[in-house]
Amino acid sequence: GESPRWLELLRGAATIYITITGIVYNLLLSNIDVNTPIPWINVALHYTIPTIMVIDWLVDLPKTRVPVRTSLIWLGFPLLYLVYSLIRGPIVDWYPYPFLDPRVSGYGTVAAMALAIAAAAFLFALIAAFSTRLPIAPPPAGLPSGATVVPLHSGATPPNYAPLRPHPTPLPRVTIPPPPRPPPPPPPVPDP
């Protein structure tokens, strides 16, 4: 059946977050030790899962449109994470990524990187919202003007629905005879 609306919105947010993760890793962190001792974890987390999530979103779009405003709300979590990291960093003397560490090249570079990532995230959010406006399937060829295509699983009735009527010319009735009966078995042969 169809997924609940809240689950579709959560899936959209997760798709945005993992896409940001994959692209940031590939552009800014792929040549840096990020403390993952098992190499396949990097491959799965930073290459495979982002690719699968984007494909999943595009192949199984939500049945209802996601408003742009909703997709922009998804960006609140990464923004809160940025603020949290910049407040916590000097307290514990640790930043999660080198591009967020002002000790390396100053707050100006941190701000520039944060703005660049935010611009990319904004673009991803727009793409996710506008992708829900794509037609899921092209209408079949030869449909009369004004006809509506309703997916079988939607449970909706098309507005121009008319029940089927019997054909004006009845079909001839065909009777299929039963198969012939096999002959009876031969009588038993008496013993001499």
C-alpha atoms as a PDB file:
ATOM      1  CA  GLY A   1       0.000   0.000   0.000  1.00  0.00           C
ATOM      2  CA  GLU A   2       0.899   3.651   0.034  1.00  0.00           C
ATOM      3  CA  SER A   3       3.236   4.983   2.700  1.00  0.00           C
ATOM      4  CA  PRO A   4       1.862   7.499   5.212  1.00  0.00           C
ATOM      5  CA  ARG A   5       2.609  11.137   4.424  1.00  0.00           C
ATOM      6  CA  TRP A   6       4.936  11.592   7.415  1.00  0.00           C
ATOM      7  CA  LEU A   7       7.047   8.636   6.254  1.00  0.00           C
ATOM      8  CA  GLU A   8       7.379  10.088   2.738  1.00  0.00           C
ATOM      9  CA  LEU A   9       8.518  13.417   4.236  1.00  0.00           C
ATOM     10  CA  LEU A  10      10.991  11.653   6.518  1.00  0.00           C
ATOM     11  CA  ARG A  11      12.327   9.720   3.513  1.00  0.00           C
ATOM     12  CA  GLY A  12      12.764  12.990   1.608  1.00  0.00           C
ATOM     13  CA  ALA A  13      14.691  14.548   4.500  1.00  0.00           C
ATOM     14  CA  ALA A  14      16.883  11.447   4.829  1.00  0.00           C
ATOM     15  CA  THR A  15      17.580  11.528   1.090  1.00  0.00           C
ATOM     16  CA  ILE A  16      18.724  15.154   1.337  1.00  0.00           C
ATOM     17  CA  TYR A  17      20.914  14.439   4.381  1.00  0.00           C
ATOM     18  CA  ILE A  18      22.668  11.401   2.911  1.00  0.00           C
ATOM     19  CA  THR A  19      23.139  13.180  -0.433  1.00  0.00           C
ATOM     20  CA  ILE A  20      24.856  16.060   1.371  1.00  0.00           C
ATOM     21  CA  THR A  21      26.955  13.512   3.281  1.00  0.00           C
ATOM     22  CA  GLY A  22      28.050  11.733   0.111  1.00  0.00           C
ATOM     23  CA  ILE A  23      28.920  14.858  -1.845  1.00  0.00           C
ATOM     24  CA  VAL A  24      30.719  16.572   1.056  1.00  0.00           C
ATOM     25  CA  TYR A  25      32.729  13.422   1.685  1.00  0.00           C
ATOM     26  CA  ASN A  26      33.674  13.042  -1.980  1.00  0.00           C
ATOM     27  CA  LEU A  27      34.641  16.685  -2.463  1.00  0.00           C
ATOM     28  CA  LEU A  28      36.192  17.558   0.907  1.00  0.00           C
ATOM     29  CA  LEU A  29      37.019  14.455   2.920  1.00  0.00           C
ATOM     30  CA  SER A  30      37.895  11.556   0.614  1.00  0.00           C
ATOM     31  CA  ASN A  31      41.664  12.118   1.013  1.00  0.00           C
ATOM     32  CA  ILE A  32      41.489  12.732   4.773  1.00  0.00           C
ATOM     33  CA  ASP A  33      41.535  10.136   7.557  1.00  0.00           C
ATOM     34  CA  VAL A  34      38.030  10.224   9.024  1.00  0.00           C
ATOM     35  CA  ASN A  35      38.689   7.546  11.654  1.00  0.00           C
ATOM     36  CA  THR A  36      36.850   4.677   9.996  1.00  0.00           C
ATOM     37  CA  PRO A  37      39.181   1.692  10.396  1.00  0.00           C
ATOM     38  CA  ILE A  38      37.273  -0.594   8.007  1.00  0.00           C
ATOM     39  CA  PRO A  39      37.481   0.639   4.369  1.00  0.00           C
ATOM     40  CA  TRP A  40      34.157  -0.830   3.232  1.00  0.00           C
ATOM     41  CA  ILE A  41      32.332   1.362   5.773  1.00  0.00           C
ATOM     42  CA  ASN A  42      33.451   4.460   3.843  1.00  0.00           C
ATOM     43  CA  VAL A  43      32.365   2.897   0.563  1.00  0.00           C
ATOM     44  CA  ALA A  44      28.946   1.939   1.942  1.00  0.00           C
ATOM     45  CA  LEU A  45      28.264   5.154   3.865  1.00  0.00           C
ATOM     46  CA  HIS A  46      29.718   7.717   1.468  1.00  0.00           C
ATOM     47  CA  TYR A  47      29.209   6.180  -1.989  1.00  0.00           C
ATOM     48  CA  THR A  48      26.695   3.314  -2.033  1.00  0.00           C
ATOM     49  CA  ILE A  49      23.978   4.521   0.352  1.00  0.00           C
ATOM     50  CA  PRO A  50      23.747   8.080  -1.084  1.00  0.00           C
ATOM     51  CA  THR A  51      23.445   6.656  -4.600  1.00  0.00           C
ATOM     52  CA  ILE A  52      20.785   4.131  -3.557  1.00  0.00           C
ATOM     53  CA  MET A  53      18.797   6.764  -1.643  1.00  0.00           C
ATOM     54  CA  VAL A  54      18.670   9.154  -4.616  1.00  0.00           C
ATOM     55  CA  ILE A  55      17.657   6.317  -6.966  1.00  0.00           C
ATOM     56  CA  ASP A  56      15.011   5.163  -4.457  1.00  0.00           C
ATOM     57  CA  TRP A  57      13.587   8.698  -4.226  1.00  0.00           C
ATOM     58  CA  LEU A  58      13.405   9.104  -8.001  1.00  0.00           C
ATOM     59  CA  VAL A  59      12.027   5.611  -8.700  1.00  0.00           C
ATOM     60  CA  ASP A  60       9.413   5.717  -5.937  1.00  0.00           C
ATOM     61  CA  LEU A  61       8.323   9.348  -5.738  1.00  0.00           C
ATOM     62  CA  PRO A  62       5.726  10.274  -3.110  1.00  0.00           C
ATOM     63  CA  LYS A  63       2.165  10.084  -4.406  1.00  0.00           C
ATOM     64  CA  THR A  64       1.522  13.689  -3.330  1.00  0.00           C
ATOM     65  CA  ARG A  65       3.648  16.717  -4.054  1.00  0.00           C
ATOM     66  CA  VAL A  66       6.166  17.958  -1.520  1.00  0.00           C
ATOM     67  CA  PRO A  67       5.874  21.748  -1.221  1.00  0.00           C
ATOM     68  CA  VAL A  68       9.121  23.705  -1.577  1.00  0.00           C
ATOM     69  CA  ARG A  69       8.510  25.185   1.882  1.00  0.00           C
ATOM     70  CA  THR A  70       8.481  21.672   3.373  1.00  0.00           C
ATOM     71  CA  SER A  71      11.697  20.711   1.603  1.00  0.00           C
ATOM     72  CA  LEU A  72      13.357  23.861   2.956  1.00  0.00           C
ATOM     73  CA  ILE A  73      12.277  22.909   6.491  1.00  0.00           C
ATOM     74  CA  TRP A  74      14.375  19.753   6.026  1.00  0.00           C
ATOM     75  CA  LEU A  75      17.459  22.003   6.009  1.00  0.00           C
ATOM     76  CA  GLY A  76      16.856  22.971   9.641  1.00  0.00           C
ATOM     77  CA  PHE A  77      18.565  19.850  10.979  1.00  0.00           C
ATOM     78  CA  PRO A  78      21.894  20.372   9.132  1.00  0.00           C
ATOM     79  CA  LEU A  79      21.811  24.030  10.202  1.00  0.00           C
ATOM     80  CA  LEU A  80      21.322  23.040  13.851  1.00  0.00           C
ATOM     81  CA  TYR A  81      24.183  20.540  13.490  1.00  0.00           C
ATOM     82  CA  LEU A  82      26.450  23.293  12.167  1.00  0.00           C
ATOM     83  CA  VAL A  83      25.579  25.614  15.060  1.00  0.00           C
ATOM     84  CA  TYR A  84      26.014  22.785  17.591  1.00  0.00           C
ATOM     85  CA  SER A  85      29.433  21.839  16.121  1.00  0.00           C
ATOM     86  CA  LEU A  86      30.691  25.431  16.188  1.00  0.00           C
ATOM     87  CA  ILE A  87      29.527  25.979  19.790  1.00  0.00           C
ATOM     88  CA  ARG A  88      30.783  22.610  21.058  1.00  0.00           C
ATOM     89  CA  GLY A  89      34.117  22.655  19.147  1.00  0.00           C
ATOM     90  CA  PRO A  90      35.975  25.185  21.315  1.00  0.00           C
ATOM     91  CA  ILE A  91      34.519  23.685  24.510  1.00  0.00           C
ATOM     92  CA  VAL A  92      35.823  20.155  23.846  1.00  0.00           C
ATOM     93  CA  ASP A  93      38.666  21.235  21.533  1.00  0.00           C
ATOM     94  CA  TRP A  94      37.380  19.028  18.697  1.00  0.00           C
ATOM     95  CA  TYR A  95      35.514  19.651  15.429  1.00  0.00           C
ATOM     96  CA  PRO A  96      33.890  16.860  13.401  1.00  0.00           C
ATOM     97  CA  TYR A  97      35.432  17.972  10.078  1.00  0.00           C
ATOM     98  CA  PRO A  98      38.517  19.959   9.108  1.00  0.00           C
ATOM     99  CA  PHE A  99      36.440  22.420   7.060  1.00  0.00           C
ATOM    100  CA  LEU A 100      34.476  23.298  10.244  1.00  0.00           C
ATOM    101  CA  ASP A 101      37.611  23.806  12.329  1.00  0.00           C
ATOM    102  CA  PRO A 102      38.393  27.559  12.610  1.00  0.00           C
ATOM    103  CA  ARG A 103      41.798  26.731  14.122  1.00  0.00           C
ATOM    104  CA  VAL A 104      42.955  25.502  10.686  1.00  0.00           C
ATOM    105  CA  SER A 105      42.160  28.515   8.512  1.00  0.00           C
ATOM    106  CA  GLY A 106      39.868  30.841  10.460  1.00  0.00           C
ATOM    107  CA  TYR A 107      36.153  31.526  10.746  1.00  0.00           C
ATOM    108  CA  GLY A 108      36.055  33.145   7.296  1.00  0.00           C
ATOM    109  CA  THR A 109      36.906  29.832   5.621  1.00  0.00           C
ATOM    110  CA  VAL A 110      34.453  27.998   7.888  1.00  0.00           C
ATOM    111  CA  ALA A 111      31.717  30.480   6.909  1.00  0.00           C
ATOM    112  CA  ALA A 112      32.558  30.158   3.194  1.00  0.00           C
ATOM    113  CA  MET A 113      32.468  26.340   3.366  1.00  0.00           C
ATOM    114  CA  ALA A 114      29.232  26.381   5.374  1.00  0.00           C
ATOM    115  CA  LEU A 115      27.619  28.728   2.824  1.00  0.00           C
ATOM    116  CA  ALA A 116      28.776  26.576  -0.098  1.00  0.00           C
ATOM    117  CA  ILE A 117      27.381  23.432   1.513  1.00  0.00           C
ATOM    118  CA  ALA A 118      24.166  25.277   2.430  1.00  0.00           C
ATOM    119  CA  ALA A 119      23.754  26.440  -1.184  1.00  0.00           C
ATOM    120  CA  ALA A 120      24.192  22.866  -2.419  1.00  0.00           C
ATOM    121  CA  ALA A 121      21.754  21.598   0.226  1.00  0.00           C
ATOM    122  CA  PHE A 122      19.249  24.285  -0.828  1.00  0.00           C
ATOM    123  CA  LEU A 123      19.575  23.097  -4.429  1.00  0.00           C
ATOM    124  CA  PHE A 124      19.065  19.453  -3.384  1.00  0.00           C
ATOM    125  CA  ALA A 125      15.968  20.416  -1.396  1.00  0.00           C
ATOM    126  CA  LEU A 126      14.523  22.211  -4.432  1.00  0.00           C
ATOM    127  CA  ILE A 127      15.300  19.254  -6.688  1.00  0.00           C
ATOM    128  CA  ALA A 128      13.610  16.878  -4.219  1.00  0.00           C
ATOM    129  CA  ALA A 129      10.493  19.077  -4.053  1.00  0.00           C
ATOM    130  CA  PHE A 130      10.268  19.655  -7.806  1.00  0.00           C
ATOM    131  CA  SER A 131      10.878  15.968  -8.547  1.00  0.00           C
ATOM    132  CA  THR A 132       7.513  15.232  -6.932  1.00  0.00           C
ATOM    133  CA  ARG A 133       5.904  17.233  -9.739  1.00  0.00           C
ATOM    134  CA  LEU A 134       7.251  14.867 -12.398  1.00  0.00           C
ATOM    135  CA  PRO A 135       4.656  12.671 -14.095  1.00  0.00           C
ATOM    136  CA  ILE A 136       5.049   9.193 -12.659  1.00  0.00           C
ATOM    137  CA  ALA A 137       4.148   7.519 -15.943  1.00  0.00           C
ATOM    138  CA  PRO A 138       3.250   8.912 -19.337  1.00  0.00           C
ATOM    139  CA  PRO A 139      -0.408   8.474 -20.268  1.00  0.00           C
ATOM    140  CA  PRO A 140      -1.055   5.560 -22.612  1.00  0.00           C
ATOM    141  CA  ALA A 141      -1.224   6.427 -26.294  1.00  0.00           C
ATOM    142  CA  GLY A 142      -4.680   6.756 -27.820  1.00  0.00           C
ATOM    143  CA  LEU A 143      -6.512   8.018 -24.752  1.00  0.00           C
ATOM    144  CA  PRO A 144      -9.506  10.191 -25.629  1.00  0.00           C
ATOM    145  CA  SER A 145      -9.255  13.872 -24.743  1.00  0.00           C
ATOM    146  CA  GLY A 146     -10.049  14.494 -21.089  1.00  0.00           C
ATOM    147  CA  ALA A 147      -9.539  10.872 -20.054  1.00  0.00           C
ATOM    148  CA  THR A 148      -7.953  10.330 -16.668  1.00  0.00           C
ATOM    149  CA  VAL A 149      -5.408   7.650 -15.850  1.00  0.00           C
ATOM    150  CA  VAL A 150      -5.797   6.332 -12.319  1.00  0.00           C
ATOM    151  CA  PRO A 151      -3.261   3.821 -10.985  1.00  0.00           C
ATOM    152  CA  LEU A 152      -4.850   0.539  -9.976  1.00  0.00           C
ATOM    153  CA  HIS A 153      -3.452   0.728  -6.457  1.00  0.00           C
ATOM    154  CA  SER A 154      -4.792   4.231  -5.754  1.00  0.00           C
ATOM    155  CA  GLY A 155      -8.326   3.139  -4.877  1.00  0.00           C
ATOM    156  CA  ALA A 156      -9.703   6.268  -6.579  1.00  0.00           C
ATOM    157  CA  THR A 157     -12.432   6.303  -9.191  1.00  0.00           C
ATOM    158  CA  PRO A 158     -11.713   8.368 -12.298  1.00  0.00           C
ATOM    159  CA  PRO A 159     -14.063  11.326 -12.779  1.00  0.00           C
ATOM    160  CA  ASN A 160     -15.251  10.064 -16.181  1.00  0.00           C
ATOM    161  CA  TYR A 161     -15.767   6.484 -15.026  1.00  0.00           C
ATOM    162  CA  ALA A 162     -18.631   4.549 -16.573  1.00  0.00           C
ATOM    163  CA  PRO A 163     -19.297   0.899 -15.770  1.00  0.00           C
ATOM    164  CA  LEU A 164     -18.936  -1.575 -18.608  1.00  0.00           C
ATOM    165  CA  ARG A 165     -22.101  -2.318 -20.537  1.00  0.00           C
ATOM    166  CA  PRO A 166     -22.876  -5.575 -22.294  1.00  0.00           C
ATOM    167  CA  HIS A 167     -21.869  -5.766 -25.921  1.00  0.00           C
ATOM    168  CA  PRO A 168     -24.846  -4.948 -28.236  1.00  0.00           C
ATOM    169  CA  THR A 169     -24.370  -8.168 -30.209  1.00  0.00           C
ATOM    170  CA  PRO A 170     -24.410 -11.193 -27.950  1.00  0.00           C
ATOM    171  CA  LEU A 171     -21.696 -13.726 -28.561  1.00  0.00           C
ATOM    172  CA  PRO A 172     -22.803 -17.211 -29.677  1.00  0.00           C
ATOM    173  CA  ARG A 173     -23.019 -19.708 -26.892  1.00  0.00           C
ATOM    174  CA  VAL A 174     -20.492 -22.479 -27.257  1.00  0.00           C
ATOM    175  CA  THR A 175     -20.991 -25.748 -25.506  1.00  0.00           C
ATOM    176  CA  ILE A 176     -18.026 -27.992 -25.071  1.00  0.00           C
ATOM    177  CA  PRO A 177     -19.050 -31.658 -24.881  1.00  0.00           C
ATOM    178  CA  PRO A 178     -17.545 -33.701 -22.090  1.00  0.00           C
ATOM    179  CA  PRO A 179     -14.686 -35.972 -23.083  1.00  0.00           C
ATOM    180  CA  PRO A 180     -15.725 -39.518 -24.074  1.00  0.00           C
ATOM    181  CA  ARG A 181     -15.814 -42.054 -21.301  1.00  0.00           C
ATOM    182  CA  PRO A 182     -13.118 -44.654 -21.375  1.00  0.00           C
ATOM    183  CA  PRO A 183     -14.307 -48.157 -22.261  1.00  0.00           C
ATOM    184  CA  PRO A 184     -15.114 -50.384 -19.298  1.00  0.00           C
ATOM    185  CA  PRO A 185     -12.348 -52.707 -18.226  1.00  0.00           C
ATOM    186  CA  PRO A 186     -12.483 -56.241 -19.679  1.00  0.00           C
ATOM    187  CA  PRO A 187     -14.145 -58.875 -17.519  1.00  0.00           C
ATOM    188  CA  PRO A 188     -11.800 -60.898 -15.406  1.00  0.00           C
ATOM    189  CA  VAL A 189     -10.526 -64.081 -16.987  1.00  0.00           C
ATOM    190  CA  PRO A 190     -11.595 -67.187 -14.971  1.00  0.00           C
ATOM    191  CA  ASP A 191      -8.848 -69.511 -13.786  1.00  0.00           C
ATOM    192  CA  PRO A 192      -8.843 -72.932 -15.434  1.00  0.00           C
END
